[in-house]
Amino acid sequence: MRQQILQWTGLPVCVGIRPTKTLVKLANHCAKKRTAFNSVCNFYQMPVDNINQILNEIDVGEVCGVGRKLVPKL
């Protein structure tokens, strides 16, 4: 999918996969910022312990579209 979008539009993209909008944004953030994911982060294929570790490592304010609104509440 990423290769086809790049070929058709010339735009590089990252992909985050998860069932909720907030977790998708987190997965996409990981896909962009962590080279180990190679631009695709699929939380469905990841053990829960690994997801929890990622959640503990990332500051809410870093996640685009989520952080700024939730930081004061958290």
PDB file of N, CA and C in Angstrom:
ATOM      1  N   MET A   1       0.824  -1.177   0.000  1.00  0.00           N
ATOM      2  CA  MET A   1       0.000   0.000   0.000  1.00  0.00           C
ATOM      3  C   MET A   1       0.880   1.257   0.000  1.00  0.00           C
ATOM      4  N   ARG A   2       1.898   1.270   0.882  1.00  0.00           N
ATOM      5  CA  ARG A   2       2.791   2.436   0.948  1.00  0.00           C
ATOM      6  C   ARG A   2       3.495   2.660  -0.384  1.00  0.00           C
ATOM      7  N   GLN A   3       3.967   1.577  -0.995  1.00  0.00           N
ATOM      8  CA  GLN A   3       4.691   1.697  -2.256  1.00  0.00           C
ATOM      9  C   GLN A   3       3.782   2.232  -3.362  1.00  0.00           C
ATOM     10  N   GLN A   4       2.545   1.784  -3.373  1.00  0.00           N
ATOM     11  CA  GLN A   4       1.614   2.235  -4.405  1.00  0.00           C
ATOM     12  C   GLN A   4       1.292   3.718  -4.243  1.00  0.00           C
ATOM     13  N   ILE A   5       1.092   4.169  -3.013  1.00  0.00           N
ATOM     14  CA  ILE A   5       0.837   5.588  -2.767  1.00  0.00           C
ATOM     15  C   ILE A   5       2.036   6.420  -3.185  1.00  0.00           C
ATOM     16  N   LEU A   6       3.233   5.946  -2.844  1.00  0.00           N
ATOM     17  CA  LEU A   6       4.450   6.651  -3.245  1.00  0.00           C
ATOM     18  C   LEU A   6       4.554   6.725  -4.771  1.00  0.00           C
ATOM     19  N   GLN A   7       4.266   5.621  -5.440  1.00  0.00           N
ATOM     20  CA  GLN A   7       4.346   5.584  -6.899  1.00  0.00           C
ATOM     21  C   GLN A   7       3.312   6.511  -7.532  1.00  0.00           C
ATOM     22  N   TRP A   8       2.078   6.489  -7.050  1.00  0.00           N
ATOM     23  CA  TRP A   8       1.009   7.271  -7.662  1.00  0.00           C
ATOM     24  C   TRP A   8       1.096   8.757  -7.340  1.00  0.00           C
ATOM     25  N   THR A   9       1.519   9.085  -6.107  1.00  0.00           N
ATOM     26  CA  THR A   9       1.479  10.490  -5.687  1.00  0.00           C
ATOM     27  C   THR A   9       2.856  11.112  -5.477  1.00  0.00           C
ATOM     28  N   GLY A  10       3.847  10.266  -5.271  1.00  0.00           N
ATOM     29  CA  GLY A  10       5.177  10.776  -4.956  1.00  0.00           C
ATOM     30  C   GLY A  10       5.331  11.161  -3.497  1.00  0.00           C
ATOM     31  N   LEU A  11       4.336  10.830  -2.672  1.00  0.00           N
ATOM     32  CA  LEU A  11       4.365  11.177  -1.254  1.00  0.00           C
ATOM     33  C   LEU A  11       4.702   9.960  -0.396  1.00  0.00           C
ATOM     34  N   PRO A  12       5.711  10.068   0.443  1.00  0.00           N
ATOM     35  CA  PRO A  12       5.980   8.973   1.376  1.00  0.00           C
ATOM     36  C   PRO A  12       4.937   8.992   2.493  1.00  0.00           C
ATOM     37  N   VAL A  13       4.485   7.826   2.920  1.00  0.00           N
ATOM     38  CA  VAL A  13       3.481   7.753   3.980  1.00  0.00           C
ATOM     39  C   VAL A  13       3.903   6.745   5.042  1.00  0.00           C
ATOM     40  N   CYS A  14       3.353   6.926   6.225  1.00  0.00           N
ATOM     41  CA  CYS A  14       3.512   5.979   7.313  1.00  0.00           C
ATOM     42  C   CYS A  14       2.133   5.447   7.663  1.00  0.00           C
ATOM     43  N   VAL A  15       2.093   4.221   8.178  1.00  0.00           N
ATOM     44  CA  VAL A  15       0.821   3.577   8.460  1.00  0.00           C
ATOM     45  C   VAL A  15       0.794   3.098   9.907  1.00  0.00           C
ATOM     46  N   GLY A  16      -0.302   3.436  10.594  1.00  0.00           N
ATOM     47  CA  GLY A  16      -0.543   2.946  11.945  1.00  0.00           C
ATOM     48  C   GLY A  16      -1.848   2.176  11.968  1.00  0.00           C
ATOM     49  N   ILE A  17      -1.845   0.978  12.543  1.00  0.00           N
ATOM     50  CA  ILE A  17      -3.026   0.121  12.522  1.00  0.00           C
ATOM     51  C   ILE A  17      -3.445  -0.231  13.950  1.00  0.00           C
ATOM     52  N   ARG A  18      -4.700   0.048  14.264  1.00  0.00           N
ATOM     53  CA  ARG A  18      -5.293  -0.262  15.570  1.00  0.00           C
ATOM     54  C   ARG A  18      -6.779   0.064  15.507  1.00  0.00           C
ATOM     55  N   PRO A  19      -7.619  -0.414  16.434  1.00  0.00           N
ATOM     56  CA  PRO A  19      -9.072  -0.260  16.302  1.00  0.00           C
ATOM     57  C   PRO A  19      -9.644   1.117  16.663  1.00  0.00           C
ATOM     58  N   THR A  20      -8.943   1.931  17.424  1.00  0.00           N
ATOM     59  CA  THR A  20      -9.495   3.222  17.813  1.00  0.00           C
ATOM     60  C   THR A  20      -8.683   4.352  17.191  1.00  0.00           C
ATOM     61  N   LYS A  21      -9.322   5.484  17.013  1.00  0.00           N
ATOM     62  CA  LYS A  21      -8.660   6.629  16.383  1.00  0.00           C
ATOM     63  C   LYS A  21      -7.433   7.072  17.185  1.00  0.00           C
ATOM     64  N   THR A  22      -7.550   7.096  18.491  1.00  0.00           N
ATOM     65  CA  THR A  22      -6.432   7.528  19.329  1.00  0.00           C
ATOM     66  C   THR A  22      -5.258   6.568  19.221  1.00  0.00           C
ATOM     67  N   LEU A  23      -5.528   5.262  19.280  1.00  0.00           N
ATOM     68  CA  LEU A  23      -4.442   4.286  19.166  1.00  0.00           C
ATOM     69  C   LEU A  23      -3.855   4.251  17.760  1.00  0.00           C
ATOM     70  N   VAL A  24      -4.664   4.541  16.756  1.00  0.00           N
ATOM     71  CA  VAL A  24      -4.134   4.642  15.392  1.00  0.00           C
ATOM     72  C   VAL A  24      -3.144   5.795  15.309  1.00  0.00           C
ATOM     73  N   LYS A  25      -3.479   6.908  15.931  1.00  0.00           N
ATOM     74  CA  LYS A  25      -2.562   8.052  15.934  1.00  0.00           C
ATOM     75  C   LYS A  25      -1.265   7.704  16.644  1.00  0.00           C
ATOM     76  N   LEU A  26      -1.365   6.958  17.735  1.00  0.00           N
ATOM     77  CA  LEU A  26      -0.165   6.521  18.444  1.00  0.00           C
ATOM     78  C   LEU A  26       0.656   5.571  17.564  1.00  0.00           C
ATOM     79  N   ALA A  27      -0.006   4.621  16.925  1.00  0.00           N
ATOM     80  CA  ALA A  27       0.699   3.681  16.051  1.00  0.00           C
ATOM     81  C   ALA A  27       1.356   4.413  14.880  1.00  0.00           C
ATOM     82  N   ASN A  28       0.662   5.392  14.317  1.00  0.00           N
ATOM     83  CA  ASN A  28       1.235   6.167  13.223  1.00  0.00           C
ATOM     84  C   ASN A  28       2.435   6.982  13.706  1.00  0.00           C
ATOM     85  N   HIS A  29       2.341   7.518  14.917  1.00  0.00           N
ATOM     86  CA  HIS A  29       3.469   8.246  15.506  1.00  0.00           C
ATOM     87  C   HIS A  29       4.687   7.320  15.610  1.00  0.00           C
ATOM     88  N   CYS A  30       4.457   6.099  16.070  1.00  0.00           N
ATOM     89  CA  CYS A  30       5.558   5.124  16.166  1.00  0.00           C
ATOM     90  C   CYS A  30       6.123   4.789  14.793  1.00  0.00           C
ATOM     91  N   ALA A  31       5.239   4.646  13.811  1.00  0.00           N
ATOM     92  CA  ALA A  31       5.688   4.335  12.452  1.00  0.00           C
ATOM     93  C   ALA A  31       6.579   5.445  11.903  1.00  0.00           C
ATOM     94  N   LYS A  32       6.260   6.699  12.249  1.00  0.00           N
ATOM     95  CA  LYS A  32       7.048   7.835  11.769  1.00  0.00           C
ATOM     96  C   LYS A  32       8.360   7.990  12.515  1.00  0.00           C
ATOM     97  N   LYS A  33       8.329   7.835  13.824  1.00  0.00           N
ATOM     98  CA  LYS A  33       9.471   8.204  14.659  1.00  0.00           C
ATOM     99  C   LYS A  33      10.427   7.065  14.989  1.00  0.00           C
ATOM    100  N   ARG A  34       9.974   5.836  14.900  1.00  0.00           N
ATOM    101  CA  ARG A  34      10.817   4.695  15.287  1.00  0.00           C
ATOM    102  C   ARG A  34      11.200   3.887  14.051  1.00  0.00           C
ATOM    103  N   THR A  35      12.468   3.904  13.738  1.00  0.00           N
ATOM    104  CA  THR A  35      12.945   3.250  12.516  1.00  0.00           C
ATOM    105  C   THR A  35      12.729   1.740  12.528  1.00  0.00           C
ATOM    106  N   ALA A  36      12.622   1.149  13.696  1.00  0.00           N
ATOM    107  CA  ALA A  36      12.429  -0.300  13.788  1.00  0.00           C
ATOM    108  C   ALA A  36      11.129  -0.747  13.120  1.00  0.00           C
ATOM    109  N   PHE A  37      10.145   0.148  13.015  1.00  0.00           N
ATOM    110  CA  PHE A  37       8.861  -0.202  12.420  1.00  0.00           C
ATOM    111  C   PHE A  37       8.848  -0.086  10.901  1.00  0.00           C
ATOM    112  N   ASN A  38       9.865   0.520  10.325  1.00  0.00           N
ATOM    113  CA  ASN A  38       9.960   0.654   8.867  1.00  0.00           C
ATOM    114  C   ASN A  38       8.699   1.291   8.277  1.00  0.00           C
ATOM    115  N   SER A  39       8.210   2.337   8.923  1.00  0.00           N
ATOM    116  CA  SER A  39       7.075   3.154   8.483  1.00  0.00           C
ATOM    117  C   SER A  39       5.709   2.474   8.585  1.00  0.00           C
ATOM    118  N   VAL A  40       5.637   1.266   9.181  1.00  0.00           N
ATOM    119  CA  VAL A  40       4.350   0.599   9.390  1.00  0.00           C
ATOM    120  C   VAL A  40       4.323   0.037  10.804  1.00  0.00           C
ATOM    121  N   CYS A  41       3.374   0.506  11.605  1.00  0.00           N
ATOM    122  CA  CYS A  41       3.232   0.010  12.970  1.00  0.00           C
ATOM    123  C   CYS A  41       1.853  -0.627  13.113  1.00  0.00           C
ATOM    124  N   ASN A  42       1.848  -1.928  13.326  1.00  0.00           N
ATOM    125  CA  ASN A  42       0.603  -2.681  13.459  1.00  0.00           C
ATOM    126  C   ASN A  42       0.521  -3.234  14.877  1.00  0.00           C
ATOM    127  N   PHE A  43      -0.281  -2.590  15.711  1.00  0.00           N
ATOM    128  CA  PHE A  43      -0.404  -3.022  17.100  1.00  0.00           C
ATOM    129  C   PHE A  43      -1.089  -4.378  17.218  1.00  0.00           C
ATOM    130  N   TYR A  44      -1.836  -4.798  16.196  1.00  0.00           N
ATOM    131  CA  TYR A  44      -2.482  -6.116  16.236  1.00  0.00           C
ATOM    132  C   TYR A  44      -1.461  -7.245  16.253  1.00  0.00           C
ATOM    133  N   GLN A  45      -0.307  -7.045  15.651  1.00  0.00           N
ATOM    134  CA  GLN A  45       0.725  -8.073  15.575  1.00  0.00           C
ATOM    135  C   GLN A  45       1.728  -7.984  16.716  1.00  0.00           C
ATOM    136  N   MET A  46       1.470  -7.122  17.670  1.00  0.00           N
ATOM    137  CA  MET A  46       2.426  -6.857  18.740  1.00  0.00           C
ATOM    138  C   MET A  46       1.891  -7.389  20.070  1.00  0.00           C
ATOM    139  N   PRO A  47       2.748  -8.022  20.874  1.00  0.00           N
ATOM    140  CA  PRO A  47       2.310  -8.454  22.201  1.00  0.00           C
ATOM    141  C   PRO A  47       1.887  -7.261  23.064  1.00  0.00           C
ATOM    142  N   VAL A  48       0.928  -7.483  23.936  1.00  0.00           N
ATOM    143  CA  VAL A  48       0.399  -6.421  24.798  1.00  0.00           C
ATOM    144  C   VAL A  48       1.503  -5.789  25.635  1.00  0.00           C
ATOM    145  N   ASP A  49       2.462  -6.572  26.092  1.00  0.00           N
ATOM    146  CA  ASP A  49       3.568  -6.026  26.892  1.00  0.00           C
ATOM    147  C   ASP A  49       4.361  -4.993  26.100  1.00  0.00           C
ATOM    148  N   ASN A  50       4.574  -5.256  24.813  1.00  0.00           N
ATOM    149  CA  ASN A  50       5.314  -4.301  23.980  1.00  0.00           C
ATOM    150  C   ASN A  50       4.521  -3.009  23.789  1.00  0.00           C
ATOM    151  N   ILE A  51       3.211  -3.142  23.592  1.00  0.00           N
ATOM    152  CA  ILE A  51       2.364  -1.957  23.439  1.00  0.00           C
ATOM    153  C   ILE A  51       2.387  -1.128  24.723  1.00  0.00           C
ATOM    154  N   ASN A  52       2.287  -1.802  25.860  1.00  0.00           N
ATOM    155  CA  ASN A  52       2.326  -1.087  27.141  1.00  0.00           C
ATOM    156  C   ASN A  52       3.659  -0.378  27.340  1.00  0.00           C
ATOM    157  N   GLN A  53       4.748  -1.000  26.926  1.00  0.00           N
ATOM    158  CA  GLN A  53       6.064  -0.373  27.034  1.00  0.00           C
ATOM    159  C   GLN A  53       6.115   0.894  26.181  1.00  0.00           C
ATOM    160  N   ILE A  54       5.579   0.818  24.961  1.00  0.00           N
ATOM    161  CA  ILE A  54       5.546   1.988  24.084  1.00  0.00           C
ATOM    162  C   ILE A  54       4.705   3.091  24.713  1.00  0.00           C
ATOM    163  N   LEU A  55       3.544   2.727  25.263  1.00  0.00           N
ATOM    164  CA  LEU A  55       2.682   3.710  25.910  1.00  0.00           C
ATOM    165  C   LEU A  55       3.402   4.403  27.060  1.00  0.00           C
ATOM    166  N   ASN A  56       4.218   3.677  27.798  1.00  0.00           N
ATOM    167  CA  ASN A  56       4.961   4.260  28.911  1.00  0.00           C
ATOM    168  C   ASN A  56       6.100   5.163  28.453  1.00  0.00           C
ATOM    169  N   GLU A  57       6.647   4.905  27.280  1.00  0.00           N
ATOM    170  CA  GLU A  57       7.804   5.657  26.793  1.00  0.00           C
ATOM    171  C   GLU A  57       7.439   6.964  26.094  1.00  0.00           C
ATOM    172  N   ILE A  58       6.247   7.037  25.522  1.00  0.00           N
ATOM    173  CA  ILE A  58       5.874   8.196  24.717  1.00  0.00           C
ATOM    174  C   ILE A  58       5.050   9.170  25.543  1.00  0.00           C
ATOM    175  N   ASP A  59       5.459  10.425  25.519  1.00  0.00           N
ATOM    176  CA  ASP A  59       4.715  11.492  26.180  1.00  0.00           C
ATOM    177  C   ASP A  59       3.472  11.802  25.350  1.00  0.00           C
ATOM    178  N   VAL A  60       2.345  11.958  25.992  1.00  0.00           N
ATOM    179  CA  VAL A  60       1.088  12.217  25.293  1.00  0.00           C
ATOM    180  C   VAL A  60       1.202  13.440  24.387  1.00  0.00           C
ATOM    181  N   GLY A  61       1.942  14.437  24.816  1.00  0.00           N
ATOM    182  CA  GLY A  61       2.092  15.656  24.043  1.00  0.00           C
ATOM    183  C   GLY A  61       2.804  15.477  22.720  1.00  0.00           C
ATOM    184  N   GLU A  62       3.475  14.349  22.523  1.00  0.00           N
ATOM    185  CA  GLU A  62       4.203  14.090  21.283  1.00  0.00           C
ATOM    186  C   GLU A  62       3.309  13.604  20.157  1.00  0.00           C
ATOM    187  N   VAL A  63       2.170  13.007  20.485  1.00  0.00           N
ATOM    188  CA  VAL A  63       1.334  12.367  19.480  1.00  0.00           C
ATOM    189  C   VAL A  63       0.468  13.413  18.774  1.00  0.00           C
ATOM    190  N   CYS A  64       0.658  13.546  17.476  1.00  0.00           N
ATOM    191  CA  CYS A  64      -0.024  14.555  16.677  1.00  0.00           C
ATOM    192  C   CYS A  64      -1.539  14.372  16.703  1.00  0.00           C
ATOM    193  N   GLY A  65      -2.241  15.446  17.001  1.00  0.00           N
ATOM    194  CA  GLY A  65      -3.689  15.406  16.994  1.00  0.00           C
ATOM    195  C   GLY A  65      -4.327  14.877  18.256  1.00  0.00           C
ATOM    196  N   VAL A  66      -3.529  14.401  19.184  1.00  0.00           N
ATOM    197  CA  VAL A  66      -4.062  13.852  20.425  1.00  0.00           C
ATOM    198  C   VAL A  66      -3.489  14.607  21.608  1.00  0.00           C
ATOM    199  N   GLY A  67      -2.184  14.733  21.633  1.00  0.00           N
ATOM    200  CA  GLY A  67      -1.454  15.212  22.788  1.00  0.00           C
ATOM    201  C   GLY A  67      -1.865  16.529  23.367  1.00  0.00           C
ATOM    202  N   ARG A  68      -1.908  17.557  22.559  1.00  0.00           N
ATOM    203  CA  ARG A  68      -2.141  18.909  23.101  1.00  0.00           C
ATOM    204  C   ARG A  68      -3.479  19.013  23.815  1.00  0.00           C
ATOM    205  N   LYS A  69      -4.468  18.304  23.329  1.00  0.00           N
ATOM    206  CA  LYS A  69      -5.792  18.376  23.932  1.00  0.00           C
ATOM    207  C   LYS A  69      -5.875  17.590  25.237  1.00  0.00           C
ATOM    208  N   LEU A  70      -5.129  16.498  25.317  1.00  0.00           N
ATOM    209  CA  LEU A  70      -5.223  15.627  26.483  1.00  0.00           C
ATOM    210  C   LEU A  70      -4.223  15.923  27.585  1.00  0.00           C
ATOM    211  N   VAL A  71      -3.134  16.597  27.254  1.00  0.00           N
ATOM    212  CA  VAL A  71      -2.097  16.848  28.260  1.00  0.00           C
ATOM    213  C   VAL A  71      -2.664  17.528  29.497  1.00  0.00           C
ATOM    214  N   PRO A  72      -3.466  18.599  29.395  1.00  0.00           N
ATOM    215  CA  PRO A  72      -3.995  19.229  30.601  1.00  0.00           C
ATOM    216  C   PRO A  72      -4.897  18.282  31.415  1.00  0.00           C
ATOM    217  N   LYS A  73      -5.651  17.426  30.756  1.00  0.00           N
ATOM    218  CA  LYS A  73      -6.535  16.492  31.458  1.00  0.00           C
ATOM    219  C   LYS A  73      -5.739  15.421  32.184  1.00  0.00           C
ATOM    220  N   LEU A  74      -4.645  14.987  31.571  1.00  0.00           N
ATOM    221  CA  LEU A  74      -3.858  13.911  32.163  1.00  0.00           C
ATOM    222  C   LEU A  74      -2.917  14.454  33.221  1.00  0.00           C
TER     223      LEU A  74
END
